[in-house]
């Protein structure tokens, strides 16, 4: 068998009411390594679909008084849902349009050229597999970006919405600073997951209503490193892991866990440091009331060059002075 041919486990249902055409289509697909099930009507095809799954369906557009594209609607609820290729010797505008509206994968005009048909089958199968993988990745991304941050908020209810707000703050500031779109995308993910390491901090510490003891604070300070470990499988997003790891570092080198200083933390990471603190100050916490804007402005000016990148701190202080909390209004359309 040619290496470019599909594996024989790929199963195709072929529907055509002309016996000679049906036999010819079966020979073409079988010669290319497909397992084939023939059907001479939609009724027979529906019976076959109830008995086993198929990877692909080829159907004539006109089957006596029936339309082959109807099968596309019938298989839409199947999991996995096989793609449908429509074959027609009368490619009328109305017929083709109706087939497309029924969400068929492609249309092949008769008389069928064998090589063109096989190429179309391969392409449709590859596109379907790619779409399925993308759906799986999208689902995994929803779990990563929704379930995990929510897990932390359940452990510490006083931080409800914290991660989503920090996403908006970081992206607003990153855009103002000219950070490119690729880094902004990674920064949004890092902002959403920055506290994921708190999953390893005991609830009685996270939810303590007063000041923490030194020993308790030492436990809390482990969460950036734990977050870095939790995200170990993000092998293609090392910058995301690093910014999560660094979100409690300080410009003057007195932060944790590694005492990084100045530009040792990249600009997107320094933005996350500042945005995370802004939300902690602006929101109600178990140990404090929300700070008014003038008090936050004063802290940013005082900590410029100490806790924060001085340019960023003054930019934010000036913006808050001028616009109030509108300066940091998150763009919720950019959460992911």
Protein backbone atom coordinates (compact mmCIF):
# COMPACT_ATOMS: atom_id res chain seq x y z
CA UNK A 1 0.00 0.00 0.00
CA UNK A 2 1.16 3.50 -0.79
CA UNK A 3 2.39 5.28 2.39
CA UNK A 4 0.14 8.24 1.53
CA UNK A 5 -2.96 6.05 1.65
CA UNK A 6 -5.10 6.13 4.80
CA UNK A 7 -5.02 3.33 7.33
CA UNK A 8 -7.54 0.55 6.61
CA UNK A 9 -9.41 1.29 9.84
CA UNK A 10 -10.95 4.37 8.17
CA UNK A 11 -14.53 3.34 7.44
CA UNK A 12 -16.56 5.03 4.71
CA UNK A 13 -20.31 4.83 4.09
CA UNK A 14 -21.17 5.31 0.39
CA UNK A 15 -24.75 6.10 -0.62
CA UNK A 16 -25.88 6.04 -4.27
CA UNK A 17 -29.07 4.71 -5.89
CA UNK A 18 -27.32 3.75 -9.15
CA UNK A 19 -25.87 0.24 -8.71
CA UNK A 20 -23.05 0.64 -11.24
CA UNK A 21 -21.96 3.96 -9.78
CA UNK A 22 -22.10 2.55 -6.25
CA UNK A 23 -19.92 -0.42 -7.20
CA UNK A 24 -17.43 1.86 -8.94
CA UNK A 25 -17.15 4.18 -5.96
CA UNK A 26 -16.64 1.21 -3.64
CA UNK A 27 -13.81 -0.11 -5.84
CA UNK A 28 -12.07 3.27 -5.87
CA UNK A 29 -12.21 3.68 -2.08
CA UNK A 30 -11.34 0.05 -1.32
CA UNK A 31 -8.32 0.19 -3.64
CA UNK A 32 -7.05 3.13 -1.59
CA UNK A 33 -7.26 1.16 1.66
CA UNK A 34 -10.61 2.27 3.05
CA UNK A 35 -13.15 -0.11 4.58
CA UNK A 36 -16.39 0.55 2.71
CA UNK A 37 -20.08 -0.02 3.43
CA UNK A 38 -22.43 0.51 0.43
CA UNK A 39 -26.01 1.77 0.74
CA UNK A 40 -28.49 2.25 -2.11
CA UNK A 41 -30.88 4.52 -0.20
CA UNK A 42 -31.06 6.85 2.74
CA UNK A 43 -33.05 4.26 4.68
CA UNK A 44 -30.30 1.68 4.25
CA UNK A 45 -27.68 4.30 5.14
CA UNK A 46 -29.52 5.21 8.36
CA UNK A 47 -29.63 1.53 9.34
CA UNK A 48 -25.87 1.24 8.77
CA UNK A 49 -25.26 4.32 10.93
CA UNK A 50 -27.13 2.68 13.80
CA UNK A 51 -24.93 -0.40 13.59
CA UNK A 52 -21.45 1.13 13.56
CA UNK A 53 -19.51 4.42 13.46
CA UNK A 54 -18.12 5.82 10.21
CA UNK A 55 -15.22 8.17 9.58
CA UNK A 56 -16.64 9.58 6.34
CA UNK A 57 -19.85 9.53 4.30
CA UNK A 58 -20.06 9.88 0.52
CA UNK A 59 -23.56 10.39 -0.83
CA UNK A 60 -25.19 11.24 -4.14
CA UNK A 61 -27.08 14.51 -3.97
CA UNK A 62 -30.22 13.13 -5.65
CA UNK A 63 -31.48 9.74 -4.45
CA UNK A 64 -34.77 9.29 -6.30
CA UNK A 65 -37.25 11.48 -4.43
CA UNK A 66 -34.81 12.03 -1.56
CA UNK A 67 -31.85 14.33 -1.12
CA UNK A 68 -28.54 12.86 0.00
CA UNK A 69 -27.59 15.96 1.94
CA UNK A 70 -30.32 15.10 4.47
CA UNK A 71 -27.90 12.60 5.97
CA UNK A 72 -25.71 15.49 7.10
CA UNK A 73 -28.44 16.57 9.48
CA UNK A 74 -29.00 13.03 10.70
CA UNK A 75 -25.35 12.51 11.68
CA UNK A 76 -24.89 15.92 13.29
CA UNK A 77 -25.63 14.57 16.76
CA UNK A 78 -23.33 11.57 16.40
CA UNK A 79 -20.07 11.57 18.37
CA UNK A 80 -17.78 11.54 16.58
CA UNK A 81 -19.73 13.21 13.78
CA UNK A 82 -18.52 11.96 10.36
CA UNK A 83 -18.05 14.54 7.61
CA UNK A 84 -20.25 14.25 4.50
CA UNK A 85 -19.10 14.65 0.91
CA UNK A 86 -21.90 15.12 -1.64
CA UNK A 87 -21.57 13.72 -5.18
CA UNK A 88 -23.75 15.16 -7.94
CA UNK A 89 -24.03 14.96 -11.71
CA UNK A 90 -26.31 18.01 -11.71
CA UNK A 91 -24.49 20.71 -9.75
CA UNK A 92 -27.37 23.18 -9.87
CA UNK A 93 -26.98 26.39 -7.94
CA UNK A 94 -29.97 25.62 -5.70
CA UNK A 95 -28.86 22.08 -5.00
CA UNK A 96 -25.29 23.08 -4.20
CA UNK A 97 -26.45 25.90 -1.96
CA UNK A 98 -28.80 23.61 -0.04
CA UNK A 99 -26.02 21.06 0.41
CA UNK A 100 -23.69 23.73 1.79
CA UNK A 101 -26.41 24.98 4.14
CA UNK A 102 -26.68 21.41 5.47
CA UNK A 103 -23.01 21.70 6.49
CA UNK A 104 -21.56 19.10 4.16
CA UNK A 105 -17.78 19.04 3.99
CA UNK A 106 -17.46 19.27 0.19
CA UNK A 107 -19.16 18.66 -3.18
CA UNK A 108 -17.65 16.47 -5.93
CA UNK A 109 -19.10 16.71 -9.44
CA UNK A 110 -19.80 13.56 -11.50
CA UNK A 111 -18.43 11.94 -13.56
CA UNK A 112 -16.06 11.31 -10.70
CA UNK A 113 -12.33 11.45 -11.28
CA UNK A 114 -10.87 8.78 -8.99
CA UNK A 115 -7.76 10.72 -8.01
CA UNK A 116 -9.71 13.90 -7.36
CA UNK A 117 -12.20 11.99 -5.22
CA UNK A 118 -9.45 10.33 -3.16
CA UNK A 119 -7.65 13.63 -2.71
CA UNK A 120 -10.90 15.21 -1.53
CA UNK A 121 -11.50 12.35 0.92
CA UNK A 122 -8.01 12.66 2.36
CA UNK A 123 -8.30 16.42 2.71
CA UNK A 124 -11.74 16.27 4.37
CA UNK A 125 -10.58 13.59 6.80
CA UNK A 126 -7.46 15.59 7.67
CA UNK A 127 -9.49 18.78 8.18
CA UNK A 128 -11.99 16.91 10.35
CA UNK A 129 -9.24 15.44 12.50
CA UNK A 130 -7.62 18.85 12.86
CA UNK A 131 -10.97 20.37 13.87
CA UNK A 132 -11.47 17.65 16.48
CA UNK A 133 -8.02 18.23 17.92
CA UNK A 134 -8.68 21.97 18.05
CA UNK A 135 -11.94 21.29 19.91
CA UNK A 136 -10.04 19.15 22.41
CA UNK A 137 -7.46 21.89 22.88
CA UNK A 138 -10.22 24.47 23.26
CA UNK A 139 -11.86 22.32 25.93
CA UNK A 140 -8.53 21.85 27.73
CA UNK A 141 -7.98 25.61 27.53
CA UNK A 142 -11.39 26.25 29.10
CA UNK A 143 -10.49 23.90 31.93
CA UNK A 144 -7.13 25.57 32.38
CA UNK A 145 -8.42 29.13 32.23
CA UNK A 146 -11.72 28.70 34.06
CA UNK A 147 -11.73 25.68 36.34
CA UNK A 148 -8.27 26.13 37.88
CA UNK A 149 -8.64 29.82 38.82
CA UNK A 150 -12.12 29.08 40.17
CA UNK A 151 -10.59 26.35 42.33
CA UNK A 152 -8.38 28.94 44.01
CA UNK A 153 -11.30 31.31 44.53
CA UNK A 154 -13.26 28.52 46.25
CA UNK A 155 -10.31 28.03 48.62
CA UNK A 156 -10.21 31.77 49.30
CA UNK A 157 -13.67 33.30 48.64
CA UNK A 158 -12.44 36.80 49.46
CA UNK A 159 -10.49 36.81 46.17
CA UNK A 160 -13.53 36.03 43.99
CA UNK A 161 -13.01 37.53 40.53
CA UNK A 162 -9.41 38.50 41.33
CA UNK A 163 -7.81 36.57 38.47
CA UNK A 164 -10.25 37.83 35.83
CA UNK A 165 -9.79 41.43 36.96
CA UNK A 166 -6.00 41.11 36.91
CA UNK A 167 -6.23 39.84 33.31
CA UNK A 168 -7.96 43.07 32.31
CA UNK A 169 -5.57 45.28 34.26
CA UNK A 170 -2.45 43.63 32.87
CA UNK A 171 -3.71 43.76 29.30
CA UNK A 172 -4.73 47.42 29.57
CA UNK A 173 -1.31 48.36 30.88
CA UNK A 174 0.52 46.10 28.42
CA UNK A 175 -1.30 47.75 25.54
CA UNK A 176 -0.39 51.21 26.86
CA UNK A 177 3.26 50.09 27.09
CA UNK A 178 3.38 48.77 23.52
CA UNK A 179 3.77 45.09 24.41
CA UNK A 180 3.30 43.01 21.24
CA UNK A 181 0.23 40.82 20.75
CA UNK A 182 2.05 37.53 21.28
CA UNK A 183 3.40 38.60 24.67
CA UNK A 184 0.03 40.13 25.58
CA UNK A 185 -1.65 36.81 24.88
CA UNK A 186 0.83 35.00 27.10
CA UNK A 187 0.54 37.70 29.76
CA UNK A 188 -3.25 37.31 29.87
CA UNK A 189 -2.81 33.60 30.53
CA UNK A 190 -0.17 34.25 33.19
CA UNK A 191 -2.44 36.80 34.85
CA UNK A 192 -5.33 34.35 34.92
CA UNK A 193 -3.16 31.64 36.47
CA UNK A 194 -0.81 33.71 38.62
CA UNK A 195 -2.19 32.44 41.95
CA UNK A 196 -2.60 28.80 40.92
CA UNK A 197 0.11 27.81 43.40
CA UNK A 198 -2.23 28.75 46.26
CA UNK A 199 -3.83 25.37 45.71
CA UNK A 200 -1.01 24.10 47.95
CA UNK A 201 -1.59 26.66 50.74
CA UNK A 202 -3.77 25.44 53.64
CA UNK A 203 -7.26 26.96 53.79
CA UNK A 204 -6.86 28.19 57.37
CA UNK A 205 -3.99 30.42 56.23
CA UNK A 206 -5.68 31.71 53.06
CA UNK A 207 -8.89 32.51 54.91
CA UNK A 208 -7.37 33.90 58.10
CA UNK A 209 -9.19 37.18 58.92
CA UNK A 210 -6.19 38.94 60.48
CA UNK A 211 -2.47 39.37 59.95
CA UNK A 212 -0.38 36.28 59.24
CA UNK A 213 2.43 35.09 61.49
CA UNK A 214 5.94 34.85 60.07
CA UNK A 215 5.60 31.06 59.70
CA UNK A 216 2.25 31.44 57.95
CA UNK A 217 3.69 34.08 55.63
CA UNK A 218 6.56 31.74 54.78
CA UNK A 219 3.99 29.17 53.68
CA UNK A 220 2.18 31.74 51.51
CA UNK A 221 5.48 32.77 49.92
CA UNK A 222 5.85 29.28 48.49
CA UNK A 223 2.88 29.70 46.15
CA UNK A 224 4.78 31.23 43.18
CA UNK A 225 7.14 28.24 43.13
CA UNK A 226 4.23 25.84 43.52
CA UNK A 227 2.46 27.57 40.65
CA UNK A 228 5.56 27.15 38.52
CA UNK A 229 5.48 23.43 39.23
CA UNK A 230 1.72 23.10 38.63
CA UNK A 231 2.22 24.61 35.16
CA UNK A 232 5.17 22.37 34.30
CA UNK A 233 3.33 20.84 31.32
CA UNK A 234 3.03 24.24 29.60
CA UNK A 235 6.24 23.43 27.76
CA UNK A 236 5.45 25.82 24.88
CA UNK A 237 4.67 28.69 27.27
CA UNK A 238 7.76 29.00 29.43
CA UNK A 239 7.27 32.76 29.65
CA UNK A 240 3.82 32.17 31.20
CA UNK A 241 5.38 29.94 33.85
CA UNK A 242 8.15 32.45 34.51
CA UNK A 243 5.75 35.38 34.99
CA UNK A 244 3.65 33.28 37.36
CA UNK A 245 6.85 32.42 39.23
CA UNK A 246 7.93 36.08 39.38
CA UNK A 247 4.70 37.88 40.25
CA UNK A 248 5.91 38.68 43.79
CA UNK A 249 9.36 39.91 42.80
CA UNK A 250 10.23 43.59 43.38
CA UNK A 251 12.14 46.18 41.36
CA UNK A 252 14.57 46.67 44.29
CA UNK A 253 15.34 42.95 44.60
CA UNK A 254 13.58 42.49 47.95
CA UNK A 255 10.76 40.33 46.59
CA UNK A 256 10.34 36.56 46.50
CA UNK A 257 11.01 33.78 45.69
CA UNK A 258 14.36 34.67 44.05
CA UNK A 259 15.03 38.31 44.89
CA UNK A 260 15.18 39.34 41.23
CA UNK A 261 15.96 42.98 40.59
CA UNK A 262 15.05 45.55 37.95
CA UNK A 263 15.05 44.25 34.38
CA UNK A 264 15.77 40.69 35.53
CA UNK A 265 11.98 40.41 35.35
CA UNK A 266 10.77 41.09 31.80
CA UNK A 267 8.39 44.00 31.17
CA UNK A 268 5.24 41.81 30.97
CA UNK A 269 6.18 40.25 34.30
CA UNK A 270 6.68 43.69 35.88
CA UNK A 271 3.26 44.69 34.57
CA UNK A 272 1.72 41.64 36.25
CA UNK A 273 3.43 42.52 39.55
CA UNK A 274 1.86 45.97 39.54
CA UNK A 275 -1.59 44.93 38.30
CA UNK A 276 -1.86 42.19 40.91
CA UNK A 277 -1.07 44.65 43.70
CA UNK A 278 -3.53 47.20 42.30
CA UNK A 279 -6.39 44.69 42.51
CA UNK A 280 -5.38 43.63 46.02
CA UNK A 281 -5.52 47.28 47.11
CA UNK A 282 -8.66 48.29 45.24
CA UNK A 283 -10.81 45.35 46.38
CA UNK A 284 -12.22 44.21 49.70
CA UNK A 285 -10.12 41.54 51.41
CA UNK A 286 -10.62 39.62 54.64
CA UNK A 287 -7.99 41.78 56.34
CA UNK A 288 -8.73 45.21 54.80
CA UNK A 289 -11.30 47.50 53.24
CA UNK A 290 -10.82 48.67 49.63
CA UNK A 291 -8.41 51.58 49.34
CA UNK A 292 -9.61 54.85 47.75
CA UNK A 293 -7.89 55.90 44.52
CA UNK A 294 -5.84 58.75 46.08
CA UNK A 295 -4.34 56.34 48.62
CA UNK A 296 -3.42 53.87 45.85
CA UNK A 297 -1.87 56.69 43.82
CA UNK A 298 0.20 57.69 46.83
CA UNK A 299 1.49 54.16 47.34
CA UNK A 300 2.49 53.76 43.68
CA UNK A 301 4.41 57.03 43.77
CA UNK A 302 6.09 56.07 47.03
CA UNK A 303 7.00 52.58 45.81
CA UNK A 304 8.24 53.66 42.36
CA UNK A 305 11.77 52.27 42.11
CA UNK A 306 11.22 50.14 45.22
CA UNK A 307 8.44 47.60 44.82
CA UNK A 308 7.58 48.62 41.26
CA UNK A 309 9.25 49.52 37.98
CA UNK A 310 9.44 53.33 38.41
CA UNK A 311 8.23 54.14 34.90
CA UNK A 312 5.24 51.82 35.25
CA UNK A 313 4.40 53.04 38.73
CA UNK A 314 4.38 56.70 37.68
CA UNK A 315 2.41 55.91 34.52
CA UNK A 316 -0.27 54.18 36.56
CA UNK A 317 -0.29 56.84 39.29
CA UNK A 318 -0.69 59.58 36.68
CA UNK A 319 -3.43 57.64 34.91
CA UNK A 320 -5.37 56.96 38.10
CA UNK A 321 -4.99 60.61 39.10
CA UNK A 322 -6.40 61.70 35.75
CA UNK A 323 -9.02 59.00 35.05
CA UNK A 324 -9.70 57.23 38.32
CA UNK A 325 -10.38 53.52 38.08
CA UNK A 326 -11.37 53.95 34.40
CA UNK A 327 -7.63 53.93 33.63
CA UNK A 328 -7.56 50.24 34.55
CA UNK A 329 -10.95 49.20 33.15
CA UNK A 330 -10.40 45.67 31.81
CA UNK A 331 -11.38 44.72 28.27
CA UNK A 332 -13.37 41.57 28.98
CA UNK A 333 -13.25 40.59 25.33
CA UNK A 334 -9.54 39.85 25.78
CA UNK A 335 -9.79 37.41 28.67
CA UNK A 336 -8.40 34.50 26.69
